[in-house]
C-alpha cells in the first residue's frame, strides 16, 4: 500500500494581506510564497512558482504516481488545477489593492497524456486582455523539451474586496 502525507502553513490573514498589495507588491508576494505553504500546492505537490516583471506566472510540477488515474496516466485534474492556478495568479498580479480575481470559467484542452516519465512540466500564463470587470488569460502546460500537453483559456472575474 502506498501512502502520502502533506502539510501546509498558510497564514489565516493571507487573503487580506494580498488584497492590500499593489501590482508590484503582489508579484513579490507570490514570487516568495513557498508552494508547500499553500494547501493546493501542498496537495498537488507543486514544486515552485516564478513570476516575470509583468506578473505573468509559471508553475512547475513533476508528475508522481499519486497523480495517476486508473488508466495509468496523470489525471486531467492535475493539468486543469495547475493551469487554473497559473492563470488566476497571473490575473491577480495585474490588479491594484482592493481587488482580487476569481475564475468564472476555464476550458482545458488535453493534447497528450502525461506520465511519471514525462518529467517536470511547466504551466505558463499569458494575459490576453484586461478589462474593468474581467481578465482573459491563456495558459499552456509543456515539458522541458517544449512539447505541449494541455492548454487552457480562462475568464477571471475582477472582484472588489474591502481592505480591513
Protein backbone atom coordinates (compact mmCIF):
# COMPACT_ATOMS: atom_id res chain seq x y z
CA UNK A 1 0.00 0.00 0.00
CA UNK A 2 1.26 3.46 -0.87
CA UNK A 3 0.81 6.40 1.43
CA UNK A 4 1.24 10.14 1.22
CA UNK A 5 1.04 12.84 3.88
CA UNK A 6 1.10 16.57 3.26
CA UNK A 7 1.10 19.67 5.44
CA UNK A 8 0.75 23.39 4.81
CA UNK A 9 1.11 26.58 6.79
CA UNK A 10 -0.86 29.31 5.04
CA UNK A 11 -1.48 32.19 7.49
CA UNK A 12 -5.17 32.91 8.18
CA UNK A 13 -4.74 36.52 7.07
CA UNK A 14 -3.12 35.69 3.69
CA UNK A 15 -6.12 36.87 1.64
CA UNK A 16 -6.41 40.18 3.49
CA UNK A 17 -2.68 40.72 3.08
CA UNK A 18 -2.90 40.02 -0.65
CA UNK A 19 -5.87 42.37 -1.11
CA UNK A 20 -3.88 45.20 0.46
CA UNK A 21 -0.99 44.87 -2.01
CA UNK A 22 -0.48 46.79 -5.26
CA UNK A 23 0.67 45.12 -8.52
CA UNK A 24 4.39 45.24 -7.79
CA UNK A 25 3.92 44.01 -4.22
CA UNK A 26 1.70 41.14 -5.41
CA UNK A 27 4.38 39.93 -7.79
CA UNK A 28 6.85 39.90 -4.91
CA UNK A 29 4.32 38.23 -2.57
CA UNK A 30 3.68 35.33 -4.95
CA UNK A 31 7.32 35.01 -6.00
CA UNK A 32 8.33 34.49 -2.36
CA UNK A 33 5.37 32.29 -1.36
CA UNK A 34 6.57 28.71 -0.76
CA UNK A 35 4.23 26.36 -2.63
CA UNK A 36 4.24 23.90 0.26
CA UNK A 37 2.62 26.60 2.43
CA UNK A 38 -0.42 26.79 0.13
CA UNK A 39 -2.97 23.99 0.64
CA UNK A 40 -3.49 23.22 -3.10
CA UNK A 41 0.26 23.47 -3.74
CA UNK A 42 0.96 21.01 -0.93
CA UNK A 43 -1.83 18.65 -2.00
CA UNK A 44 -0.81 18.56 -5.68
CA UNK A 45 2.94 18.80 -4.96
CA UNK A 46 3.64 21.98 -6.97
CA UNK A 47 7.40 22.44 -6.79
CA UNK A 48 7.84 26.14 -7.46
CA UNK A 49 6.48 29.31 -9.00
CA UNK A 50 8.22 32.04 -10.98
CA UNK A 51 6.83 35.42 -11.99
CA UNK A 52 8.21 37.83 -14.56
CA UNK A 53 8.18 41.61 -14.14
CA UNK A 54 4.82 41.82 -15.97
CA UNK A 55 3.23 39.50 -13.41
CA UNK A 56 2.91 36.54 -15.75
CA UNK A 57 3.30 33.32 -13.84
CA UNK A 58 4.87 29.90 -14.37
CA UNK A 59 4.12 26.93 -12.12
CA UNK A 60 6.26 23.77 -12.05
CA UNK A 61 5.42 20.21 -11.07
CA UNK A 62 6.95 16.79 -11.54
CA UNK A 63 4.16 14.24 -12.03
CA UNK A 64 4.12 11.44 -9.48
CA UNK A 65 2.30 8.14 -9.23
CA UNK A 66 -0.22 9.65 -6.80
CA UNK A 67 -1.41 11.89 -9.67
CA UNK A 68 -2.44 8.81 -11.70
CA UNK A 69 -5.94 7.82 -12.74
CA UNK A 70 -6.97 4.14 -13.08
CA UNK A 71 -5.70 4.16 -16.70
CA UNK A 72 -2.09 4.64 -15.61
CA UNK A 73 -1.70 8.26 -16.72
CA UNK A 74 -1.83 11.53 -14.81
CA UNK A 75 -5.41 12.56 -14.12
CA UNK A 76 -6.55 15.53 -16.20
CA UNK A 77 -7.42 17.32 -12.98
CA UNK A 78 -3.72 17.94 -12.38
CA UNK A 79 -3.37 19.82 -15.68
CA UNK A 80 -6.61 21.72 -15.02
CA UNK A 81 -5.56 22.65 -11.48
CA UNK A 82 -2.07 23.86 -12.33
CA UNK A 83 -3.33 25.82 -15.37
CA UNK A 84 -6.15 27.39 -13.33
CA UNK A 85 -3.70 28.34 -10.57
CA UNK A 86 -1.26 29.81 -13.07
CA UNK A 87 -3.90 31.78 -14.99
CA UNK A 88 -5.56 33.06 -11.83
CA UNK A 89 -2.34 34.23 -10.14
CA UNK A 90 -1.29 35.97 -13.38
CA UNK A 91 -4.61 37.83 -13.41
CA UNK A 92 -4.29 38.74 -9.71
CA UNK A 93 -0.85 40.22 -10.39
CA UNK A 94 -2.48 42.73 -12.76
CA UNK A 95 -4.62 44.33 -10.05
CA UNK A 96 -4.11 47.08 -7.52
CA UNK A 97 -5.03 46.88 -3.86
CA UNK A 98 -8.66 46.27 -3.01
CA UNK A 99 -9.24 43.78 -5.84
CA UNK A 100 -8.93 40.03 -6.43
CA UNK A 101 -9.93 37.74 -9.26
CA UNK A 102 -11.92 34.53 -9.25
CA UNK A 103 -12.09 32.08 -12.13
CA UNK A 104 -15.56 32.16 -13.68
CA UNK A 105 -14.78 29.62 -16.37
CA UNK A 106 -11.89 27.63 -17.71
CA UNK A 107 -11.65 25.49 -20.82
CA UNK A 108 -8.87 22.92 -20.80
CA UNK A 109 -7.70 21.14 -23.94
CA UNK A 110 -5.79 17.91 -23.29
CA UNK A 111 -3.36 17.27 -26.14
CA UNK A 112 -1.43 14.19 -24.94
CA UNK A 113 -1.16 12.02 -21.83
CA UNK A 114 1.22 12.86 -19.01
CA UNK A 115 3.03 10.12 -17.10
CA UNK A 116 5.77 9.93 -14.49
CA UNK A 117 8.28 9.53 -17.35
CA UNK A 118 7.23 12.92 -18.78
CA UNK A 119 9.35 14.60 -16.09
CA UNK A 120 8.84 18.13 -14.87
CA UNK A 121 6.11 20.11 -16.62
CA UNK A 122 5.63 23.86 -16.61
CA UNK A 123 2.39 25.81 -16.78
CA UNK A 124 2.72 29.34 -18.11
CA UNK A 125 0.10 32.04 -18.42
CA UNK A 126 -0.27 34.95 -20.79
CA UNK A 127 -2.75 37.77 -20.26
CA UNK A 128 -4.92 38.14 -23.35
CA UNK A 129 -6.99 41.17 -22.29
CA UNK A 130 -7.53 43.15 -19.11
CA UNK A 131 -10.95 44.67 -18.67
CA UNK A 132 -12.53 46.51 -15.75
CA UNK A 133 -14.69 43.51 -14.79
CA UNK A 134 -12.91 40.51 -16.33
CA UNK A 135 -9.43 39.42 -17.36
CA UNK A 136 -8.90 36.85 -20.13
CA UNK A 137 -5.90 34.54 -19.73
CA UNK A 138 -4.41 31.72 -21.82
CA UNK A 139 -2.17 29.06 -20.35
CA UNK A 140 -0.02 26.22 -21.67
CA UNK A 141 1.39 23.13 -19.97
CA UNK A 142 4.59 21.78 -21.52
CA UNK A 143 7.59 19.61 -20.73
CA UNK A 144 11.30 20.55 -20.65
CA UNK A 145 11.55 19.90 -24.41
CA UNK A 146 8.74 22.36 -25.18
CA UNK A 147 6.17 19.65 -26.03
CA UNK A 148 2.69 20.92 -25.13
CA UNK A 149 0.44 18.60 -23.09
CA UNK A 150 -2.54 20.87 -22.37
CA UNK A 151 -3.79 24.41 -22.90
CA UNK A 152 -6.39 26.44 -21.03
CA UNK A 153 -8.35 29.62 -21.61
CA UNK A 154 -9.94 31.23 -18.60
CA UNK A 155 -12.05 34.20 -17.65
CA UNK A 156 -11.17 35.82 -14.32
CA UNK A 157 -13.82 37.96 -12.67
CA UNK A 158 -12.43 41.11 -11.01
CA UNK A 159 -13.94 41.46 -7.55
CA UNK A 160 -13.63 44.41 -5.19
CA UNK A 161 -12.76 43.30 -1.65
CA UNK A 162 -12.87 45.68 1.32
CA UNK A 163 -9.49 46.14 2.98
CA UNK A 164 -9.66 45.72 6.77
